[in-house]
Amino acid sequence: MTGATDSDGDAADDVRRPSVATVARDRRVWLILAVVAGLLVCCCSAVVGTLIALSSGLLAA
């Protein structure tokens, strides 16, 4: 069995993948992380707010 090749027939090992530093400089990565963090904060705060409302309602009744 032969090694993996790219479309030109060259060895796929010669293809460079971007380093972590290069990926971290990409603004799209930071945008995706910011959106995920925002959704996480919103969901967690909604859950905490609901729990507080339920617990205060149960204590007041």
C-alpha atoms as a PDB file:
ATOM      1  CA  MET A   1       0.000   0.000   0.000  1.00  0.00           C
ATOM      2  CA  THR A   2       1.396   3.403  -0.913  1.00  0.00           C
ATOM      3  CA  GLY A   3       1.405   6.542   1.234  1.00  0.00           C
ATOM      4  CA  ALA A   4      -1.243   9.214   1.002  1.00  0.00           C
ATOM      5  CA  THR A   5      -0.897  11.634  -1.892  1.00  0.00           C
ATOM      6  CA  ASP A   6      -2.536  14.923  -2.718  1.00  0.00           C
ATOM      7  CA  SER A   7      -4.160  15.812  -6.046  1.00  0.00           C
ATOM      8  CA  ASP A   8      -0.780  16.461  -7.733  1.00  0.00           C
ATOM      9  CA  GLY A   9       0.545  13.054  -6.779  1.00  0.00           C
ATOM     10  CA  ASP A  10       3.068  14.487  -4.307  1.00  0.00           C
ATOM     11  CA  ALA A  11       3.346  13.073  -0.823  1.00  0.00           C
ATOM     12  CA  ALA A  12       0.686  14.505   1.482  1.00  0.00           C
ATOM     13  CA  ASP A  13       3.294  14.847   4.239  1.00  0.00           C
ATOM     14  CA  ASP A  14       4.729  17.874   2.380  1.00  0.00           C
ATOM     15  CA  VAL A  15       1.474  19.810   2.851  1.00  0.00           C
ATOM     16  CA  ARG A  16       1.813  22.262   5.722  1.00  0.00           C
ATOM     17  CA  ARG A  17      -1.029  22.658   8.149  1.00  0.00           C
ATOM     18  CA  PRO A  18      -1.447  26.048   9.819  1.00  0.00           C
ATOM     19  CA  SER A  19       0.066  26.347  13.280  1.00  0.00           C
ATOM     20  CA  VAL A  20      -1.976  27.127  16.364  1.00  0.00           C
ATOM     21  CA  ALA A  21      -0.597  30.680  16.382  1.00  0.00           C
ATOM     22  CA  THR A  22      -1.734  31.220  12.794  1.00  0.00           C
ATOM     23  CA  VAL A  23      -5.210  29.921  13.545  1.00  0.00           C
ATOM     24  CA  ALA A  24      -5.418  32.046  16.719  1.00  0.00           C
ATOM     25  CA  ARG A  25      -4.692  35.162  14.668  1.00  0.00           C
ATOM     26  CA  ASP A  26      -7.679  34.478  12.451  1.00  0.00           C
ATOM     27  CA  ARG A  27     -10.531  36.779  13.428  1.00  0.00           C
ATOM     28  CA  ARG A  28     -13.157  34.233  12.477  1.00  0.00           C
ATOM     29  CA  VAL A  29     -11.949  31.930  15.255  1.00  0.00           C
ATOM     30  CA  TRP A  30     -12.330  34.715  17.827  1.00  0.00           C
ATOM     31  CA  LEU A  31     -15.769  35.598  16.442  1.00  0.00           C
ATOM     32  CA  ILE A  32     -16.957  32.001  16.778  1.00  0.00           C
ATOM     33  CA  LEU A  33     -15.550  31.773  20.310  1.00  0.00           C
ATOM     34  CA  ALA A  34     -17.250  35.048  21.268  1.00  0.00           C
ATOM     35  CA  VAL A  35     -20.618  33.863  19.941  1.00  0.00           C
ATOM     36  CA  VAL A  36     -20.321  30.537  21.776  1.00  0.00           C
ATOM     37  CA  ALA A  37     -19.316  32.298  25.008  1.00  0.00           C
ATOM     38  CA  GLY A  38     -22.218  34.740  24.671  1.00  0.00           C
ATOM     39  CA  LEU A  39     -24.716  31.950  24.137  1.00  0.00           C
ATOM     40  CA  LEU A  40     -23.311  30.061  27.096  1.00  0.00           C
ATOM     41  CA  VAL A  41     -23.597  33.096  29.370  1.00  0.00           C
ATOM     42  CA  CYS A  42     -27.147  33.832  28.209  1.00  0.00           C
ATOM     43  CA  CYS A  43     -28.287  30.244  28.706  1.00  0.00           C
ATOM     44  CA  CYS A  44     -26.689  29.932  32.120  1.00  0.00           C
ATOM     45  CA  SER A  45     -28.122  33.230  33.329  1.00  0.00           C
ATOM     46  CA  ALA A  46     -31.581  32.252  32.072  1.00  0.00           C
ATOM     47  CA  VAL A  47     -31.382  28.947  33.945  1.00  0.00           C
ATOM     48  CA  VAL A  48     -30.187  30.628  37.133  1.00  0.00           C
ATOM     49  CA  GLY A  49     -32.898  33.279  36.863  1.00  0.00           C
ATOM     50  CA  THR A  50     -35.561  30.636  36.374  1.00  0.00           C
ATOM     51  CA  LEU A  51     -34.326  28.653  39.364  1.00  0.00           C
ATOM     52  CA  ILE A  52     -34.315  31.756  41.556  1.00  0.00           C
ATOM     53  CA  ALA A  53     -37.829  32.697  40.418  1.00  0.00           C
ATOM     54  CA  LEU A  54     -39.099  29.186  41.072  1.00  0.00           C
ATOM     55  CA  SER A  55     -37.474  28.945  44.478  1.00  0.00           C
ATOM     56  CA  SER A  56     -38.707  32.365  45.604  1.00  0.00           C
ATOM     57  CA  GLY A  57     -42.183  31.548  44.342  1.00  0.00           C
ATOM     58  CA  LEU A  58     -42.221  28.275  46.203  1.00  0.00           C
ATOM     59  CA  LEU A  59     -40.972  29.927  49.406  1.00  0.00           C
ATOM     60  CA  ALA A  60     -43.538  32.738  49.182  1.00  0.00           C
ATOM     61  CA  ALA A  61     -46.493  30.405  48.642  1.00  0.00           C
END
